[in-house]
Amino acid sequence: MRKALGAVLAAALLLAACGAGGGGESPQRFLSIEGDVGQYVSYKTGTPVKDPAALPGDADFEGVALPEFLAGSEISGEPLAVWLCSSGDGFSVKLDWEGLDRAYMIFSEVNGWQCVAPEHPLSANAQDIDRIFVVSEGSGVGLRVVRLDGGVDVIPFGEILTSPLLASFHYEGRAENGDLASEVYTREASFSLADFYDAGDSGFEVVTAAGDRYLTDGAGRFAVFRQTFSYFETTGDEYEDVTEIRLR
């Protein structure tokens, strides 16, 4: 979707504020924008606002309205809601897109990325936000499923990320230093195709961004990480950067 000039300028201003910032004084707080977006966006930190207590309408308020904050992520489809996920207390808040222009993002030294929304319910003022999920109607971003008739369905990222997923740890390797050892794992959120799509019992073909294709019985799981999919067979084989599956 095309972004309005005002949104582009606001996004540019925000990016300028999201460099190293503060001469190393501000804490490093990661934030990602995911879901029904054409561009995965992440920030390592932000430049703290001068007055975190300032509210919209105040002369020293530095917040960016959430629709403008999200504009650089190139929202796919008609946006319905956003989820603000806090790393601090583990809570998440869902805000309808309608009225989102009265909610603002700032960065503060104490609360990291936070939402300032005095006109919304108190719960909308989330703090220590580390992930924002966009949920849209008619999104074209997600796991593509090519049907037997050649038609294509999309399981949207927004739907996947806001649905129950299996949390697990995937073994990556072991390191030793004398009599001490450590093991490395990646934390994964995964789902089976049957959780979102009725493909029957005939299995499917997995297609990767590199053009590789693998036949599978469909009993494995898809891991989702930063707008990408990997497929893990029950045998342990992994197919990275999956772009679509083809039913058979």
Protein backbone atom coordinates (compact mmCIF):
# COMPACT_ATOMS: atom_id res chain seq x y z
CA MET A 1 0.00 0.00 0.00
CA ARG A 2 1.18 3.52 -0.76
CA LYS A 3 2.12 5.63 2.24
CA ALA A 4 0.95 9.19 2.63
CA LEU A 5 3.62 11.88 2.61
CA GLY A 6 3.00 12.67 6.26
CA ALA A 7 3.52 9.04 7.21
CA VAL A 8 6.78 8.90 5.25
CA LEU A 9 8.09 12.00 7.00
CA ALA A 10 7.09 10.65 10.41
CA ALA A 11 8.75 7.32 9.70
CA ALA A 12 11.91 9.09 8.54
CA LEU A 13 11.91 11.17 11.71
CA LEU A 14 11.50 8.05 13.79
CA LEU A 15 14.34 6.24 12.03
CA ALA A 16 16.58 9.22 12.63
CA ALA A 17 15.77 8.95 16.33
CA CYS A 18 16.49 5.24 16.42
CA GLY A 19 20.22 5.21 15.94
CA ALA A 20 22.71 4.51 18.70
CA GLY A 21 21.29 7.60 20.42
CA GLY A 22 22.08 9.11 23.77
CA GLY A 23 25.82 8.56 23.45
CA GLY A 24 25.38 5.06 24.82
CA GLU A 25 23.37 6.35 27.78
CA SER A 26 20.01 4.85 26.85
CA PRO A 27 19.28 1.15 27.44
CA GLN A 28 19.22 -1.25 24.52
CA ARG A 29 15.56 -2.27 24.05
CA PHE A 30 14.71 -4.40 21.03
CA LEU A 31 11.43 -3.81 19.20
CA SER A 32 10.05 -5.61 16.14
CA ILE A 33 7.03 -4.98 13.91
CA GLU A 34 5.63 -8.23 12.55
CA GLY A 35 2.46 -9.87 11.30
CA ASP A 36 0.57 -8.72 8.23
CA VAL A 37 3.36 -6.46 7.02
CA GLY A 38 5.37 -6.58 3.84
CA GLN A 39 8.56 -5.49 5.59
CA TYR A 40 9.86 -6.87 8.89
CA VAL A 41 11.07 -3.85 10.88
CA SER A 42 13.19 -3.90 14.02
CA TYR A 43 14.83 -1.32 16.24
CA LYS A 44 17.63 -2.00 18.70
CA THR A 45 16.91 1.07 20.78
CA GLY A 46 15.61 4.62 20.58
CA THR A 47 16.55 8.09 21.71
CA PRO A 48 14.74 8.84 24.98
CA VAL A 49 12.20 11.66 24.83
CA LYS A 50 12.99 14.72 26.91
CA ASP A 51 9.81 14.48 28.97
CA PRO A 52 8.23 10.99 29.16
CA ALA A 53 5.33 12.45 31.18
CA ALA A 54 4.29 14.80 28.35
CA LEU A 55 0.92 14.06 26.74
CA PRO A 56 -0.50 14.65 23.26
CA GLY A 57 -1.20 18.36 22.89
CA ASP A 58 1.67 19.40 25.14
CA ALA A 59 4.31 21.53 23.46
CA ASP A 60 7.10 19.11 24.39
CA PHE A 61 5.29 15.89 23.41
CA GLU A 62 7.47 13.85 21.03
CA GLY A 63 5.29 10.80 20.35
CA VAL A 64 4.53 9.41 16.90
CA ALA A 65 0.98 8.25 16.17
CA LEU A 66 0.92 4.47 15.84
CA PRO A 67 -0.34 4.37 12.21
CA GLU A 68 2.61 6.55 11.22
CA PHE A 69 4.99 4.55 13.39
CA LEU A 70 3.92 1.40 11.51
CA ALA A 71 3.87 2.93 8.03
CA GLY A 72 7.39 1.80 7.12
CA SER A 73 6.39 -1.83 7.63
CA GLU A 74 4.13 -1.70 4.55
CA ILE A 75 0.92 -3.13 6.00
CA SER A 76 -0.68 -5.81 3.82
CA GLY A 77 -4.47 -5.90 3.48
CA GLU A 78 -6.93 -3.82 5.46
CA PRO A 79 -5.55 -3.37 9.00
CA LEU A 80 -7.94 -4.41 11.75
CA ALA A 81 -5.89 -4.35 14.95
CA VAL A 82 -2.44 -4.23 16.47
CA TRP A 83 -1.10 -6.20 19.41
CA LEU A 84 1.42 -4.54 21.73
CA CYS A 85 3.47 -7.22 23.52
CA SER A 86 5.40 -6.29 26.65
CA SER A 87 8.64 -7.98 27.62
CA GLY A 88 8.43 -6.42 31.07
CA ASP A 89 5.28 -7.92 32.57
CA GLY A 90 4.40 -10.45 29.87
CA PHE A 91 1.06 -8.81 29.10
CA SER A 92 -0.18 -7.94 25.62
CA VAL A 93 -2.86 -5.47 24.65
CA LYS A 94 -4.94 -5.54 21.47
CA LEU A 95 -6.02 -2.20 20.00
CA ASP A 96 -8.49 -1.77 17.16
CA TRP A 97 -7.11 0.06 14.14
CA GLU A 98 -9.98 2.51 14.32
CA GLY A 99 -8.89 5.11 16.84
CA LEU A 100 -5.24 4.06 16.65
CA ASP A 101 -4.30 7.58 15.53
CA ARG A 102 -4.93 8.59 19.16
CA ALA A 103 -2.25 6.22 20.45
CA TYR A 104 1.42 7.21 20.25
CA MET A 105 4.82 5.52 20.54
CA ILE A 106 7.70 6.99 22.49
CA PHE A 107 10.97 5.68 23.90
CA SER A 108 11.99 6.43 27.49
CA GLU A 109 15.00 5.46 29.57
CA VAL A 110 12.85 3.86 32.27
CA ASN A 111 10.09 2.14 30.29
CA GLY A 112 11.75 1.52 26.91
CA TRP A 113 9.32 1.49 24.00
CA GLN A 114 5.91 2.46 25.28
CA CYS A 115 2.48 3.52 24.11
CA VAL A 116 0.98 6.81 25.27
CA ALA A 117 -2.79 6.74 24.80
CA PRO A 118 -4.60 8.90 27.39
CA GLU A 119 -7.92 8.70 25.50
CA HIS A 120 -7.84 4.89 25.46
CA PRO A 121 -8.37 2.58 28.45
CA LEU A 122 -5.45 2.56 30.88
CA SER A 123 -4.33 -0.89 29.67
CA ALA A 124 -3.50 0.59 26.25
CA ASN A 125 -0.56 2.45 27.78
CA ALA A 126 1.75 -0.55 27.51
CA GLN A 127 5.39 -0.29 28.52
CA ASP A 128 8.54 -2.27 27.68
CA ILE A 129 7.02 -3.21 24.31
CA ASP A 130 9.29 -5.55 22.37
CA ARG A 131 6.94 -6.85 19.64
CA ILE A 132 4.07 -5.31 17.70
CA PHE A 133 1.80 -7.61 15.66
CA VAL A 134 -0.35 -6.18 12.88
CA VAL A 135 -3.51 -8.12 12.01
CA SER A 136 -5.27 -7.37 8.72
CA GLU A 137 -8.13 -8.60 6.60
CA GLY A 138 -7.15 -9.86 3.17
CA SER A 139 -3.45 -10.00 3.96
CA GLY A 140 -1.24 -11.40 1.23
CA VAL A 141 1.66 -11.99 3.61
CA GLY A 142 2.10 -15.36 5.27
CA LEU A 143 2.35 -19.03 4.36
CA ARG A 144 1.16 -19.58 0.79
CA VAL A 145 -0.81 -22.77 0.17
CA VAL A 146 -1.14 -23.80 -3.48
CA ARG A 147 -4.26 -25.92 -3.90
CA LEU A 148 -4.65 -28.85 -6.30
CA ASP A 149 -6.64 -26.62 -8.68
CA GLY A 150 -3.76 -24.14 -8.84
CA GLY A 151 -5.45 -21.53 -6.67
CA VAL A 152 -3.59 -19.96 -3.77
CA ASP A 153 -4.65 -19.43 -0.17
CA VAL A 154 -2.61 -17.49 2.37
CA ILE A 155 -2.41 -18.24 6.07
CA PRO A 156 -1.64 -14.69 7.29
CA PHE A 157 1.27 -13.96 9.60
CA GLY A 158 -1.02 -11.88 11.80
CA GLU A 159 -3.37 -14.80 12.38
CA ILE A 160 -0.48 -17.17 13.08
CA LEU A 161 1.31 -14.91 15.56
CA THR A 162 -1.84 -14.18 17.57
CA SER A 163 -2.96 -17.81 17.76
CA PRO A 164 -1.82 -20.58 20.16
CA LEU A 165 1.65 -21.78 19.15
CA LEU A 166 3.89 -24.48 20.56
CA ALA A 167 6.94 -23.07 22.35
CA SER A 168 10.01 -25.31 22.27
CA PHE A 169 13.80 -25.27 22.15
CA HIS A 170 15.75 -26.48 19.12
CA TYR A 171 19.24 -27.86 19.79
CA GLU A 172 21.99 -26.04 17.87
CA GLY A 173 25.22 -27.37 19.33
CA ARG A 174 27.53 -27.89 22.29
CA ALA A 175 30.72 -26.11 23.32
CA GLU A 176 33.33 -27.24 25.84
CA ASN A 177 36.09 -25.44 27.70
CA GLY A 178 38.03 -27.86 29.85
CA ASP A 179 35.62 -29.51 32.26
CA LEU A 180 32.88 -26.93 31.56
CA ALA A 181 30.31 -27.18 28.79
CA SER A 182 27.35 -25.29 27.43
CA GLU A 183 24.63 -26.17 24.95
CA VAL A 184 23.04 -23.70 22.57
CA TYR A 185 19.35 -23.74 21.63
CA THR A 186 17.09 -21.53 19.59
CA ARG A 187 13.70 -20.81 21.09
CA GLU A 188 10.96 -21.65 18.61
CA ALA A 189 7.27 -21.01 18.18
CA SER A 190 5.76 -23.62 15.88
CA PHE A 191 2.50 -24.94 14.47
CA SER A 192 1.23 -27.75 12.31
CA LEU A 193 -0.59 -27.06 9.06
CA ALA A 194 -3.73 -28.66 10.51
CA ASP A 195 -3.84 -25.91 13.15
CA PHE A 196 -4.80 -23.41 10.44
CA TYR A 197 -5.69 -25.26 7.25
CA ASP A 198 -7.52 -28.44 6.30
CA ALA A 199 -5.25 -30.08 3.74
CA GLY A 200 -6.45 -33.65 4.22
CA ASP A 201 -4.03 -36.52 4.74
CA SER A 202 -2.21 -36.56 1.41
CA GLY A 203 0.81 -34.50 2.49
CA PHE A 204 2.34 -31.65 0.54
CA GLU A 205 5.46 -30.32 -1.15
CA VAL A 206 7.57 -27.74 0.67
CA VAL A 207 9.08 -24.99 -1.51
CA THR A 208 11.92 -22.77 -0.25
CA ALA A 209 13.12 -19.33 -1.33
CA ALA A 210 16.13 -20.98 -2.94
CA GLY A 211 13.81 -23.03 -5.17
CA ASP A 212 14.39 -26.33 -3.40
CA ARG A 213 11.41 -28.68 -3.12
CA TYR A 214 10.78 -31.44 -0.63
CA LEU A 215 7.95 -33.96 -0.41
CA THR A 216 6.58 -34.54 3.07
CA ASP A 217 3.73 -36.45 4.65
CA GLY A 218 2.72 -33.27 6.50
CA ALA A 219 3.34 -34.62 9.98
CA GLY A 220 6.07 -32.07 10.73
CA ARG A 221 5.82 -28.54 12.10
CA PHE A 222 6.44 -25.02 10.85
CA ALA A 223 8.59 -22.76 13.01
CA VAL A 224 7.97 -19.04 12.58
CA PHE A 225 10.71 -16.49 13.30
CA ARG A 226 10.95 -12.89 12.14
CA GLN A 227 8.55 -13.24 9.21
CA THR A 228 10.14 -16.46 7.94
CA PHE A 229 9.13 -20.11 8.12
CA SER A 230 11.19 -23.26 8.57
CA TYR A 231 9.73 -26.73 8.30
CA PHE A 232 10.87 -29.53 10.60
CA GLU A 233 10.19 -33.11 9.61
CA THR A 234 9.47 -35.65 12.32
CA THR A 235 12.84 -37.18 11.33
CA GLY A 236 14.60 -33.98 12.37
CA ASP A 237 15.32 -32.72 8.85
CA GLU A 238 14.93 -28.95 8.53
CA TYR A 239 13.91 -26.97 5.44
CA GLU A 240 14.74 -23.29 5.89
CA ASP A 241 13.09 -20.18 4.46
CA VAL A 242 9.89 -21.84 3.26
CA THR A 243 7.89 -19.61 0.93
CA GLU A 244 4.96 -21.89 0.09
CA ILE A 245 3.60 -25.40 0.18
CA ARG A 246 1.88 -27.28 -2.64
CA LEU A 247 -0.87 -29.73 -1.85
CA ARG A 248 -0.79 -33.10 -3.57
